[in-house]
Amino acid sequence: MSIWQRFLYLIGLRPKPGPRTYELTESLHTSLSTLAEHEGRPEDELIPDLLAAGLTQYYSSDKAWKQWLSLTPREKDIAALTCLGFTNRQMANKLGVTLNTIKTHVRNVLSKFDVSSKVKLRQKLNGWDFSAWTHWL
């Protein structure tokens, strides 16, 4: 046991010393077995990779959410409409603003999300639900 693990145990943040153990639900174990078989890798070798991928996705989603919260209401409209596939001209027509205004908002959105194109913005927000903006369709 590392000194850190022992410290956590001594101050009551770990209920028992030694390595942590986790029980998998039957469905999770079936999924893990299937994936391991598909990839031709042992389950215990696959688990750290899955955990790392999950944590990466979790932190990426958290960062994207914080970036979303930094947008103005109009920039949120622009980001959502961009992800729904609207062109700049279509957004300008739907929102009743000039094309240059849309271009400015798009630049601001891309900057706040730290991406260089609308395609990369769509990739970053892939899976987000923009159905609240479909009234513009």
C-alpha atoms as a PDB file:
ATOM      1  CA  MET A   1       0.000   0.000   0.000  1.00  0.00           C
ATOM      2  CA  SER A   2       1.351   3.409  -0.953  1.00  0.00           C
ATOM      3  CA  ILE A   3       1.820   6.117   1.626  1.00  0.00           C
ATOM      4  CA  TRP A   4      -0.998   8.070  -0.030  1.00  0.00           C
ATOM      5  CA  GLN A   5      -3.412   5.109   0.245  1.00  0.00           C
ATOM      6  CA  ARG A   6      -2.405   4.563   3.865  1.00  0.00           C
ATOM      7  CA  PHE A   7      -2.922   8.267   4.616  1.00  0.00           C
ATOM      8  CA  LEU A   8      -6.426   8.188   3.114  1.00  0.00           C
ATOM      9  CA  TYR A   9      -7.204   5.091   5.189  1.00  0.00           C
ATOM     10  CA  LEU A  10      -5.911   6.686   8.383  1.00  0.00           C
ATOM     11  CA  ILE A  11      -7.990   9.868   7.956  1.00  0.00           C
ATOM     12  CA  GLY A  12     -11.105   7.849   7.145  1.00  0.00           C
ATOM     13  CA  LEU A  13     -11.457   8.514   3.425  1.00  0.00           C
ATOM     14  CA  ARG A  14     -10.815   4.857   2.532  1.00  0.00           C
ATOM     15  CA  PRO A  15     -12.934   2.323   4.369  1.00  0.00           C
ATOM     16  CA  LYS A  16     -10.279  -0.401   4.279  1.00  0.00           C
ATOM     17  CA  PRO A  17      -6.624  -0.670   3.390  1.00  0.00           C
ATOM     18  CA  GLY A  18      -5.398  -2.415   0.289  1.00  0.00           C
ATOM     19  CA  PRO A  19      -6.398  -2.257  -3.335  1.00  0.00           C
ATOM     20  CA  ARG A  20      -9.907  -1.244  -4.231  1.00  0.00           C
ATOM     21  CA  THR A  21     -12.169  -3.818  -5.780  1.00  0.00           C
ATOM     22  CA  TYR A  22     -15.234  -3.217  -7.874  1.00  0.00           C
ATOM     23  CA  GLU A  23     -18.041  -5.489  -8.900  1.00  0.00           C
ATOM     24  CA  LEU A  24     -19.286  -5.368 -12.473  1.00  0.00           C
ATOM     25  CA  THR A  25     -22.937  -5.719 -13.264  1.00  0.00           C
ATOM     26  CA  GLU A  26     -23.741  -8.652 -15.506  1.00  0.00           C
ATOM     27  CA  SER A  27     -24.545  -6.417 -18.485  1.00  0.00           C
ATOM     28  CA  LEU A  28     -21.321  -4.424 -18.068  1.00  0.00           C
ATOM     29  CA  HIS A  29     -19.300  -7.633 -17.800  1.00  0.00           C
ATOM     30  CA  THR A  30     -20.964  -8.975 -20.957  1.00  0.00           C
ATOM     31  CA  SER A  31     -20.147  -5.749 -22.798  1.00  0.00           C
ATOM     32  CA  LEU A  32     -16.549  -5.842 -21.574  1.00  0.00           C
ATOM     33  CA  SER A  33     -16.156  -9.508 -22.590  1.00  0.00           C
ATOM     34  CA  THR A  34     -17.624  -8.845 -26.026  1.00  0.00           C
ATOM     35  CA  LEU A  35     -15.381  -5.836 -26.610  1.00  0.00           C
ATOM     36  CA  ALA A  36     -12.291  -7.710 -25.390  1.00  0.00           C
ATOM     37  CA  GLU A  37     -13.097 -10.608 -27.699  1.00  0.00           C
ATOM     38  CA  HIS A  38     -13.707  -8.260 -30.633  1.00  0.00           C
ATOM     39  CA  GLU A  39     -10.369  -6.502 -30.054  1.00  0.00           C
ATOM     40  CA  GLY A  40      -8.503  -9.737 -29.306  1.00  0.00           C
ATOM     41  CA  ARG A  41      -7.272  -8.415 -25.958  1.00  0.00           C
ATOM     42  CA  PRO A  42      -7.681  -9.656 -22.397  1.00  0.00           C
ATOM     43  CA  GLU A  43     -10.357  -7.886 -20.346  1.00  0.00           C
ATOM     44  CA  ASP A  44      -7.902  -6.744 -17.663  1.00  0.00           C
ATOM     45  CA  GLU A  45      -5.742  -5.090 -20.341  1.00  0.00           C
ATOM     46  CA  LEU A  46      -8.761  -3.333 -21.857  1.00  0.00           C
ATOM     47  CA  ILE A  47     -10.117  -1.849 -18.616  1.00  0.00           C
ATOM     48  CA  PRO A  48      -7.449   0.885 -18.153  1.00  0.00           C
ATOM     49  CA  ASP A  49      -7.871   1.978 -21.787  1.00  0.00           C
ATOM     50  CA  LEU A  50     -11.650   2.187 -21.397  1.00  0.00           C
ATOM     51  CA  LEU A  51     -11.316   4.132 -18.175  1.00  0.00           C
ATOM     52  CA  ALA A  52      -8.840   6.562 -19.754  1.00  0.00           C
ATOM     53  CA  ALA A  53     -11.125   7.044 -22.763  1.00  0.00           C
ATOM     54  CA  GLY A  54     -14.118   7.612 -20.487  1.00  0.00           C
ATOM     55  CA  LEU A  55     -12.277  10.156 -18.370  1.00  0.00           C
ATOM     56  CA  THR A  56     -11.060  11.960 -21.484  1.00  0.00           C
ATOM     57  CA  GLN A  57     -14.613  12.146 -22.798  1.00  0.00           C
ATOM     58  CA  TYR A  58     -15.909  13.262 -19.395  1.00  0.00           C
ATOM     59  CA  TYR A  59     -13.396  16.102 -19.069  1.00  0.00           C
ATOM     60  CA  SER A  60     -13.873  17.079 -22.709  1.00  0.00           C
ATOM     61  CA  SER A  61     -17.635  17.322 -22.198  1.00  0.00           C
ATOM     62  CA  ASP A  62     -17.135  19.322 -19.008  1.00  0.00           C
ATOM     63  CA  LYS A  63     -14.819  21.738 -20.806  1.00  0.00           C
ATOM     64  CA  ALA A  64     -17.236  22.091 -23.735  1.00  0.00           C
ATOM     65  CA  TRP A  65     -20.097  22.813 -21.317  1.00  0.00           C
ATOM     66  CA  LYS A  66     -18.073  25.565 -19.631  1.00  0.00           C
ATOM     67  CA  GLN A  67     -17.272  27.008 -23.058  1.00  0.00           C
ATOM     68  CA  TRP A  68     -20.989  26.878 -23.946  1.00  0.00           C
ATOM     69  CA  LEU A  69     -21.835  28.817 -20.789  1.00  0.00           C
ATOM     70  CA  SER A  70     -19.381  31.540 -21.844  1.00  0.00           C
ATOM     71  CA  LEU A  71     -21.419  32.257 -25.002  1.00  0.00           C
ATOM     72  CA  THR A  72     -23.890  35.108 -25.265  1.00  0.00           C
ATOM     73  CA  PRO A  73     -27.492  34.119 -26.050  1.00  0.00           C
ATOM     74  CA  ARG A  74     -26.992  35.075 -29.722  1.00  0.00           C
ATOM     75  CA  GLU A  75     -23.727  33.120 -29.905  1.00  0.00           C
ATOM     76  CA  LYS A  76     -25.601  30.088 -28.524  1.00  0.00           C
ATOM     77  CA  ASP A  77     -28.126  30.518 -31.341  1.00  0.00           C
ATOM     78  CA  ILE A  78     -25.311  30.651 -33.882  1.00  0.00           C
ATOM     79  CA  ALA A  79     -23.534  27.608 -32.419  1.00  0.00           C
ATOM     80  CA  ALA A  80     -26.761  25.599 -32.340  1.00  0.00           C
ATOM     81  CA  LEU A  81     -27.774  26.566 -35.867  1.00  0.00           C
ATOM     82  CA  THR A  82     -24.259  25.771 -37.090  1.00  0.00           C
ATOM     83  CA  CYS A  83     -24.493  22.319 -35.532  1.00  0.00           C
ATOM     84  CA  LEU A  84     -27.900  21.872 -37.167  1.00  0.00           C
ATOM     85  CA  GLY A  85     -26.260  22.490 -40.541  1.00  0.00           C
ATOM     86  CA  PHE A  86     -27.374  26.044 -41.309  1.00  0.00           C
ATOM     87  CA  THR A  87     -25.178  28.113 -43.601  1.00  0.00           C
ATOM     88  CA  ASN A  88     -24.211  31.674 -42.657  1.00  0.00           C
ATOM     89  CA  ARG A  89     -26.646  33.039 -45.225  1.00  0.00           C
ATOM     90  CA  GLN A  90     -29.502  30.881 -43.878  1.00  0.00           C
ATOM     91  CA  MET A  91     -28.758  32.038 -40.330  1.00  0.00           C
ATOM     92  CA  ALA A  92     -28.727  35.682 -41.426  1.00  0.00           C
ATOM     93  CA  ASN A  93     -32.107  35.246 -43.146  1.00  0.00           C
ATOM     94  CA  LYS A  94     -33.663  33.371 -40.219  1.00  0.00           C
ATOM     95  CA  LEU A  95     -32.360  35.787 -37.568  1.00  0.00           C
ATOM     96  CA  GLY A  96     -32.929  38.965 -39.575  1.00  0.00           C
ATOM     97  CA  VAL A  97     -29.346  40.194 -39.354  1.00  0.00           C
ATOM     98  CA  THR A  98     -26.623  40.865 -41.890  1.00  0.00           C
ATOM     99  CA  LEU A  99     -24.222  38.247 -43.172  1.00  0.00           C
ATOM    100  CA  ASN A 100     -21.341  40.192 -41.616  1.00  0.00           C
ATOM    101  CA  THR A 101     -23.039  40.028 -38.212  1.00  0.00           C
ATOM    102  CA  ILE A 102     -23.314  36.233 -38.549  1.00  0.00           C
ATOM    103  CA  LYS A 103     -19.669  35.978 -39.582  1.00  0.00           C
ATOM    104  CA  THR A 104     -18.656  37.962 -36.487  1.00  0.00           C
ATOM    105  CA  HIS A 105     -20.717  35.703 -34.224  1.00  0.00           C
ATOM    106  CA  VAL A 106     -19.303  32.577 -35.886  1.00  0.00           C
ATOM    107  CA  ARG A 107     -15.744  33.849 -35.340  1.00  0.00           C
ATOM    108  CA  ASN A 108     -16.534  34.536 -31.684  1.00  0.00           C
ATOM    109  CA  VAL A 109     -18.066  31.075 -31.188  1.00  0.00           C
ATOM    110  CA  LEU A 110     -15.134  29.326 -32.859  1.00  0.00           C
ATOM    111  CA  SER A 111     -12.722  31.333 -30.729  1.00  0.00           C
ATOM    112  CA  LYS A 112     -14.535  30.552 -27.478  1.00  0.00           C
ATOM    113  CA  PHE A 113     -14.566  26.838 -28.339  1.00  0.00           C
ATOM    114  CA  ASP A 114     -10.932  27.012 -29.451  1.00  0.00           C
ATOM    115  CA  VAL A 115     -11.656  25.458 -32.847  1.00  0.00           C
ATOM    116  CA  SER A 116     -10.694  26.638 -36.301  1.00  0.00           C
ATOM    117  CA  SER A 117     -13.759  25.676 -38.342  1.00  0.00           C
ATOM    118  CA  LYS A 118     -17.475  25.003 -38.220  1.00  0.00           C
ATOM    119  CA  VAL A 119     -16.737  21.343 -38.963  1.00  0.00           C
ATOM    120  CA  LYS A 120     -14.566  21.109 -35.837  1.00  0.00           C
ATOM    121  CA  LEU A 121     -17.275  22.849 -33.808  1.00  0.00           C
ATOM    122  CA  ARG A 122     -19.806  20.255 -35.020  1.00  0.00           C
ATOM    123  CA  GLN A 123     -17.380  17.477 -34.068  1.00  0.00           C
ATOM    124  CA  LYS A 124     -16.810  18.961 -30.623  1.00  0.00           C
ATOM    125  CA  LEU A 125     -20.544  19.275 -29.953  1.00  0.00           C
ATOM    126  CA  ASN A 126     -21.482  16.010 -31.645  1.00  0.00           C
ATOM    127  CA  GLY A 127     -24.253  14.338 -29.693  1.00  0.00           C
ATOM    128  CA  TRP A 128     -25.555  17.537 -28.111  1.00  0.00           C
ATOM    129  CA  ASP A 129     -29.301  18.090 -28.378  1.00  0.00           C
ATOM    130  CA  PHE A 130     -30.125  21.242 -30.307  1.00  0.00           C
ATOM    131  CA  SER A 131     -33.799  20.368 -30.801  1.00  0.00           C
ATOM    132  CA  ALA A 132     -34.835  23.573 -29.002  1.00  0.00           C
ATOM    133  CA  TRP A 133     -33.546  25.459 -32.050  1.00  0.00           C
ATOM    134  CA  THR A 134     -35.465  23.410 -34.631  1.00  0.00           C
ATOM    135  CA  HIS A 135     -38.295  25.977 -34.651  1.00  0.00           C
ATOM    136  CA  TRP A 136     -36.057  27.848 -37.124  1.00  0.00           C
ATOM    137  CA  LEU A 137     -36.173  24.981 -39.616  1.00  0.00           C
END
